[in-house]
């Protein structure tokens, strides 16, 4: 196993011809993927986000139940992350209606994406159109346009649905139903043409692994010449990964068909150290001192530069 290394915080941007001129693709879902994009845009001005579409809770879940289609919430978070930092769209898309009426609990950005999906015919085109309206730099691509459900095997039995899996513990294995949704062609192409693929951080069983269960994505990750980085979470997530340490997270990812060349982890994080990991590990300070469960974008960007540009 490669000895842990610690890049210096605030590392200078790499010179011409290095990672700042390469294409970064970030894989995941939820707030973890948004955090990765916040770091990636400091290295690559136009990163690509490949977004999970198994969310069935909250506003997204209600929209899917009422109108079918795919959940828009994780795509909304990525669009916000890629919008100009001073754009009023960032706050507007994340506005959530209060109260118990029809709009109560819905995020405005989810409703806008749903409306654009009606107009454009699919969620990928809707996200691209909204990205243009917002002035986003980069792309947001749903991993598939075919609806699929997350299923988990636990000691208590089979659990269906992303929200239910999130609240389950001692997960043995997860899979998709149907097991072979067709990947969006742009998702596969992004992995193939990238110089680096950043996997995570994010909820392991409900945001990260579901993407690598899509057969075309797994194949692209296996065959790409890109450097594949697995960014570890900072703490176990109650309840889905409270039984796993850092090495357990990495092993679960690999056991489900994930591929990576190196793992980035924070040695001060609650998830633990690198002992027992089946992949090379690189230590780097990444947690946000003000929010110890979250990655700081500047610190994560410095860690990515140290691995990809060094």
Protein backbone atom coordinates (compact mmCIF):
# COMPACT_ATOMS: atom_id res chain seq x y z
CA UNK A 1 0.00 0.00 0.00
CA UNK A 2 1.34 3.44 -0.89
CA UNK A 3 2.39 5.43 2.20
CA UNK A 4 0.05 8.33 3.02
CA UNK A 5 1.16 11.72 1.73
CA UNK A 6 0.02 15.12 2.82
CA UNK A 7 -0.15 17.91 0.24
CA UNK A 8 0.34 21.41 1.46
CA UNK A 9 -2.80 23.51 1.77
CA UNK A 10 -2.90 26.37 -0.72
CA UNK A 11 -0.74 24.61 -3.31
CA UNK A 12 -0.17 26.80 -6.35
CA UNK A 13 -2.18 25.99 -9.45
CA UNK A 14 -0.29 23.58 -11.75
CA UNK A 15 1.37 24.99 -14.83
CA UNK A 16 0.32 24.76 -18.48
CA UNK A 17 -0.36 21.27 -19.79
CA UNK A 18 -1.25 19.87 -16.39
CA UNK A 19 -4.54 19.17 -14.73
CA UNK A 20 -5.90 22.72 -14.99
CA UNK A 21 -6.15 22.17 -18.76
CA UNK A 22 -7.75 18.75 -18.42
CA UNK A 23 -11.35 17.68 -18.18
CA UNK A 24 -12.59 16.70 -14.73
CA UNK A 25 -15.68 14.53 -14.38
CA UNK A 26 -17.30 14.24 -10.96
CA UNK A 27 -19.55 11.29 -10.10
CA UNK A 28 -22.11 11.07 -7.30
CA UNK A 29 -25.21 12.76 -6.00
CA UNK A 30 -26.63 15.01 -3.32
CA UNK A 31 -24.60 17.56 -1.41
CA UNK A 32 -21.42 15.48 -1.75
CA UNK A 33 -21.33 15.89 -5.51
CA UNK A 34 -22.06 19.60 -5.17
CA UNK A 35 -19.05 19.87 -2.83
CA UNK A 36 -16.84 18.03 -5.33
CA UNK A 37 -17.93 20.42 -8.07
CA UNK A 38 -17.13 23.40 -5.85
CA UNK A 39 -13.56 22.10 -5.68
CA UNK A 40 -13.36 20.89 -9.28
CA UNK A 41 -14.29 24.28 -10.72
CA UNK A 42 -11.18 25.73 -9.02
CA UNK A 43 -9.10 23.39 -11.21
CA UNK A 44 -11.15 22.88 -14.36
CA UNK A 45 -13.31 25.86 -15.40
CA UNK A 46 -15.88 23.55 -16.99
CA UNK A 47 -16.17 20.26 -15.06
CA UNK A 48 -18.84 17.66 -15.82
CA UNK A 49 -21.17 16.23 -13.18
CA UNK A 50 -22.66 12.74 -13.60
CA UNK A 51 -25.65 12.65 -11.29
CA UNK A 52 -27.49 9.81 -9.61
CA UNK A 53 -31.24 9.61 -10.29
CA UNK A 54 -32.52 7.27 -7.55
CA UNK A 55 -33.68 9.97 -5.11
CA UNK A 56 -37.26 9.31 -4.00
CA UNK A 57 -37.52 11.51 -0.93
CA UNK A 58 -38.63 15.08 -0.27
CA UNK A 59 -39.55 17.39 -3.12
CA UNK A 60 -37.98 15.15 -5.77
CA UNK A 61 -39.84 12.10 -4.57
CA UNK A 62 -43.14 13.93 -4.58
CA UNK A 63 -42.62 15.16 -8.14
CA UNK A 64 -41.76 11.66 -9.35
CA UNK A 65 -44.79 10.18 -7.58
CA UNK A 66 -47.12 12.80 -9.04
CA UNK A 67 -45.81 13.08 -12.60
CA UNK A 68 -43.37 10.23 -13.22
CA UNK A 69 -40.00 10.79 -14.79
CA UNK A 70 -36.75 11.36 -12.92
CA UNK A 71 -35.96 13.20 -9.67
CA UNK A 72 -34.55 16.69 -10.33
CA UNK A 73 -33.14 17.56 -6.89
CA UNK A 74 -29.56 16.36 -7.24
CA UNK A 75 -29.26 17.99 -10.67
CA UNK A 76 -30.50 21.25 -9.14
CA UNK A 77 -27.76 21.12 -6.48
CA UNK A 78 -25.11 20.64 -9.15
CA UNK A 79 -26.43 23.52 -11.26
CA UNK A 80 -26.24 25.76 -8.18
CA UNK A 81 -22.65 24.62 -7.58
CA UNK A 82 -21.66 25.48 -11.17
CA UNK A 83 -23.43 28.86 -11.33
CA UNK A 84 -21.37 32.07 -11.00
CA UNK A 85 -20.71 32.76 -7.33
CA UNK A 86 -22.55 36.09 -7.47
CA UNK A 87 -25.51 34.77 -9.45
CA UNK A 88 -28.97 35.36 -7.91
CA UNK A 89 -29.94 32.01 -9.41
CA UNK A 90 -28.01 30.16 -6.70
CA UNK A 91 -30.28 31.34 -3.92
CA UNK A 92 -33.40 31.29 -6.09
CA UNK A 93 -33.09 27.67 -7.17
CA UNK A 94 -32.54 26.54 -3.58
CA UNK A 95 -35.56 28.50 -2.30
CA UNK A 96 -37.87 26.06 -0.55
CA UNK A 97 -41.54 26.87 -0.01
CA UNK A 98 -42.81 26.58 3.55
CA UNK A 99 -46.23 25.58 4.82
CA UNK A 100 -48.42 22.58 4.33
CA UNK A 101 -50.01 23.44 0.99
CA UNK A 102 -49.33 22.02 -2.43
CA UNK A 103 -46.06 23.94 -2.76
CA UNK A 104 -44.93 23.33 0.81
CA UNK A 105 -41.52 21.63 0.89
CA UNK A 106 -40.80 22.00 -2.82
CA UNK A 107 -37.56 23.63 -3.96
CA UNK A 108 -38.18 26.18 -6.69
CA UNK A 109 -35.36 24.78 -8.81
CA UNK A 110 -37.00 21.37 -8.82
CA UNK A 111 -40.21 22.89 -10.17
CA UNK A 112 -38.33 24.82 -12.85
CA UNK A 113 -36.52 21.66 -13.97
CA UNK A 114 -39.82 19.78 -14.05
CA UNK A 115 -41.34 22.51 -16.24
CA UNK A 116 -38.33 22.48 -18.57
CA UNK A 117 -38.49 18.68 -18.72
CA UNK A 118 -42.08 19.00 -19.97
CA UNK A 119 -40.95 21.48 -22.63
CA UNK A 120 -37.74 19.79 -23.71
CA UNK A 121 -38.78 16.16 -23.44
CA UNK A 122 -36.15 14.85 -21.03
CA UNK A 123 -34.33 15.89 -17.86
CA UNK A 124 -30.86 16.01 -19.45
CA UNK A 125 -31.94 18.57 -22.02
CA UNK A 126 -33.85 20.47 -19.31
CA UNK A 127 -30.70 20.66 -17.16
CA UNK A 128 -28.63 21.85 -20.13
CA UNK A 129 -31.15 24.57 -20.93
CA UNK A 130 -31.29 25.78 -17.33
CA UNK A 131 -27.49 25.73 -17.15
CA UNK A 132 -27.42 28.09 -20.11
CA UNK A 133 -29.97 30.41 -18.54
CA UNK A 134 -27.97 30.50 -15.30
CA UNK A 135 -24.61 31.02 -16.97
CA UNK A 136 -23.17 27.81 -15.52
CA UNK A 137 -19.65 26.77 -16.49
CA UNK A 138 -19.63 23.02 -16.93
CA UNK A 139 -22.21 20.32 -17.58
CA UNK A 140 -24.74 18.43 -15.47
CA UNK A 141 -25.76 15.04 -16.88
CA UNK A 142 -28.14 12.50 -15.33
CA UNK A 143 -26.50 9.08 -15.35
CA UNK A 144 -29.53 7.59 -17.10
CA UNK A 145 -32.86 8.71 -18.52
CA UNK A 146 -34.47 5.40 -17.56
CA UNK A 147 -36.12 5.39 -14.12
CA UNK A 148 -34.71 2.79 -11.74
CA UNK A 149 -35.12 1.98 -8.06
CA UNK A 150 -32.42 1.41 -5.45
CA UNK A 151 -32.75 -1.90 -3.56
CA UNK A 152 -30.73 -2.98 -0.51
CA UNK A 153 -30.22 -6.33 1.15
CA UNK A 154 -30.08 -6.09 4.96
CA UNK A 155 -30.24 -8.60 7.83
CA UNK A 156 -33.88 -7.61 8.27
CA UNK A 157 -34.78 -8.22 4.63
CA UNK A 158 -34.97 -6.35 1.33
CA UNK A 159 -35.43 -2.55 1.40
CA UNK A 160 -36.62 -0.62 -1.65
CA UNK A 161 -36.13 3.06 -2.42
CA UNK A 162 -33.32 5.53 -1.81
CA UNK A 163 -34.87 7.14 1.24
CA UNK A 164 -35.59 3.79 2.90
CA UNK A 165 -32.05 2.57 2.16
CA UNK A 166 -30.63 5.78 3.65
CA UNK A 167 -32.30 4.93 6.95
CA UNK A 168 -31.22 1.27 6.90
CA UNK A 169 -28.21 -0.14 8.72
CA UNK A 170 -25.89 -3.13 8.20
CA UNK A 171 -26.43 -3.03 4.45
CA UNK A 172 -24.95 -6.11 2.84
CA UNK A 173 -25.41 -5.26 -0.80
CA UNK A 174 -27.36 -2.93 -3.07
CA UNK A 175 -28.59 -3.28 -6.62
CA UNK A 176 -30.85 -1.52 -9.11
CA UNK A 177 -34.30 -2.50 -10.32
CA UNK A 178 -34.20 -2.94 -13.27
CA UNK A 179 -30.54 -4.01 -12.99
CA UNK A 180 -29.41 -2.65 -16.35
CA UNK A 181 -30.65 0.90 -17.01
CA UNK A 182 -29.05 2.36 -20.11
CA UNK A 183 -26.56 5.09 -19.31
CA UNK A 184 -26.94 8.50 -20.90
CA UNK A 185 -24.46 8.55 -23.82
CA UNK A 186 -22.97 11.83 -22.59
CA UNK A 187 -22.22 10.23 -19.22
CA UNK A 188 -20.19 7.45 -20.82
CA UNK A 189 -18.42 9.86 -23.16
CA UNK A 190 -17.51 12.20 -20.30
CA UNK A 191 -15.74 9.39 -18.46
CA UNK A 192 -13.92 8.27 -21.59
CA UNK A 193 -12.59 11.71 -22.53
CA UNK A 194 -11.71 12.91 -19.04
CA UNK A 195 -8.21 13.23 -17.72
CA UNK A 196 -9.50 12.56 -14.22
CA UNK A 197 -12.68 11.16 -12.67
CA UNK A 198 -13.55 12.22 -9.12
CA UNK A 199 -15.85 9.71 -7.39
CA UNK A 200 -17.56 11.04 -4.26
CA UNK A 201 -17.70 12.27 -1.62
CA UNK A 202 -21.29 11.49 -0.72
CA UNK A 203 -23.61 8.93 0.77
CA UNK A 204 -21.93 5.66 -0.15
CA UNK A 205 -24.93 3.40 -0.75
CA UNK A 206 -27.44 6.02 -1.88
CA UNK A 207 -25.40 8.53 -3.91
CA UNK A 208 -22.07 7.05 -5.01
CA UNK A 209 -22.42 3.31 -5.61
CA UNK A 210 -25.76 3.56 -7.51
CA UNK A 211 -23.95 5.19 -10.45
CA UNK A 212 -21.35 2.42 -10.78
CA UNK A 213 -24.18 -0.14 -10.81
CA UNK A 214 -25.25 1.22 -14.21
CA UNK A 215 -23.47 -1.27 -16.51
CA UNK A 216 -22.30 1.24 -19.13
CA UNK A 217 -20.85 3.50 -16.44
CA UNK A 218 -19.03 0.58 -14.81
CA UNK A 219 -17.60 -0.37 -18.20
CA UNK A 220 -16.46 3.17 -18.92
CA UNK A 221 -14.77 3.43 -15.51
CA UNK A 222 -13.00 0.13 -16.13
CA UNK A 223 -11.68 1.09 -19.56
CA UNK A 224 -10.95 4.81 -19.23
CA UNK A 225 -7.39 6.09 -19.25
CA UNK A 226 -8.41 8.82 -16.77
CA UNK A 227 -6.98 8.91 -13.26
CA UNK A 228 -9.78 7.70 -10.98
CA UNK A 229 -9.95 9.24 -7.49
CA UNK A 230 -12.26 8.03 -4.76
CA UNK A 231 -12.82 10.89 -2.28
CA UNK A 232 -13.66 9.41 1.10
CA UNK A 233 -16.37 10.76 3.35
CA UNK A 234 -15.38 12.43 6.59
CA UNK A 235 -17.64 10.46 8.93
CA UNK A 236 -19.94 7.43 8.91
CA UNK A 237 -23.47 8.26 7.86
CA UNK A 238 -26.28 7.27 10.15
CA UNK A 239 -27.71 4.88 9.41
CA UNK A 240 -26.47 3.49 6.11
CA UNK A 241 -22.70 3.35 6.82
CA UNK A 242 -22.42 3.60 10.59
CA UNK A 243 -21.02 0.04 10.60
CA UNK A 244 -18.17 0.89 8.19
CA UNK A 245 -14.78 2.49 8.76
CA UNK A 246 -12.69 4.05 5.99
CA UNK A 247 -11.39 0.73 4.70
CA UNK A 248 -14.93 -0.65 4.82
CA UNK A 249 -16.15 2.21 2.61
CA UNK A 250 -13.46 1.49 0.04
CA UNK A 251 -14.09 -2.26 0.08
CA UNK A 252 -17.86 -1.79 -0.34
CA UNK A 253 -17.25 0.48 -3.31
CA UNK A 254 -14.96 -2.07 -4.97
CA UNK A 255 -17.24 -5.00 -4.12
CA UNK A 256 -20.04 -3.31 -6.08
CA UNK A 257 -17.90 -2.96 -9.20
CA UNK A 258 -16.39 0.45 -8.53
CA UNK A 259 -12.96 1.25 -9.92
CA UNK A 260 -10.42 3.72 -8.55
CA UNK A 261 -6.66 4.24 -8.63
CA UNK A 262 -6.27 6.11 -5.36
CA UNK A 263 -8.28 7.17 -2.31
CA UNK A 264 -8.16 10.69 -0.89
CA UNK A 265 -8.88 10.83 2.83
CA UNK A 266 -8.55 13.26 5.71
CA UNK A 267 -6.52 11.69 8.55
CA UNK A 268 -8.26 13.94 11.08
CA UNK A 269 -11.75 12.86 10.03
CA UNK A 270 -13.99 10.68 12.17
CA UNK A 271 -14.07 7.93 9.54
CA UNK A 272 -10.64 6.70 10.61
CA UNK A 273 -7.27 6.03 9.02
CA UNK A 274 -5.91 4.09 6.06
CA UNK A 275 -5.27 0.75 7.77
CA UNK A 276 -6.63 -2.17 5.78
CA UNK A 277 -7.54 -0.27 2.63
CA UNK A 278 -7.25 -2.30 -0.59
CA UNK A 279 -6.30 0.82 -2.59
CA UNK A 280 -3.40 3.28 -2.36
CA UNK A 281 -4.24 6.09 0.06
CA UNK A 282 -3.32 9.77 0.03
CA UNK A 283 -3.85 11.80 3.19
CA UNK A 284 -4.87 15.43 2.86
CA UNK A 285 -6.60 18.02 5.08
CA UNK A 286 -10.02 18.45 3.51
CA UNK A 287 -12.61 19.03 6.22
CA UNK A 288 -14.18 22.42 6.78
CA UNK A 289 -13.18 23.61 10.29
CA UNK A 290 -16.56 25.30 10.66
CA UNK A 291 -18.46 22.22 9.45
CA UNK A 292 -16.42 19.11 10.33
CA UNK A 293 -18.76 16.79 8.39
CA UNK A 294 -18.26 18.75 5.14
CA UNK A 295 -15.37 19.07 2.71
CA UNK A 296 -13.92 22.56 2.29
CA UNK A 297 -13.77 23.35 -1.46
CA UNK A 298 -10.37 25.07 -1.31
CA UNK A 299 -8.83 22.22 0.70
CA UNK A 300 -10.35 19.56 -1.53
CA UNK A 301 -9.13 21.41 -4.62
CA UNK A 302 -5.60 21.54 -3.18
CA UNK A 303 -5.73 17.79 -2.50
CA UNK A 304 -6.93 17.08 -6.04
CA UNK A 305 -4.17 19.26 -7.50
CA UNK A 306 -1.53 17.45 -5.46
CA UNK A 307 -2.63 14.06 -6.80
CA UNK A 308 -3.53 15.01 -10.36
CA UNK A 309 -1.03 17.74 -11.08
CA UNK A 310 1.94 16.39 -9.20
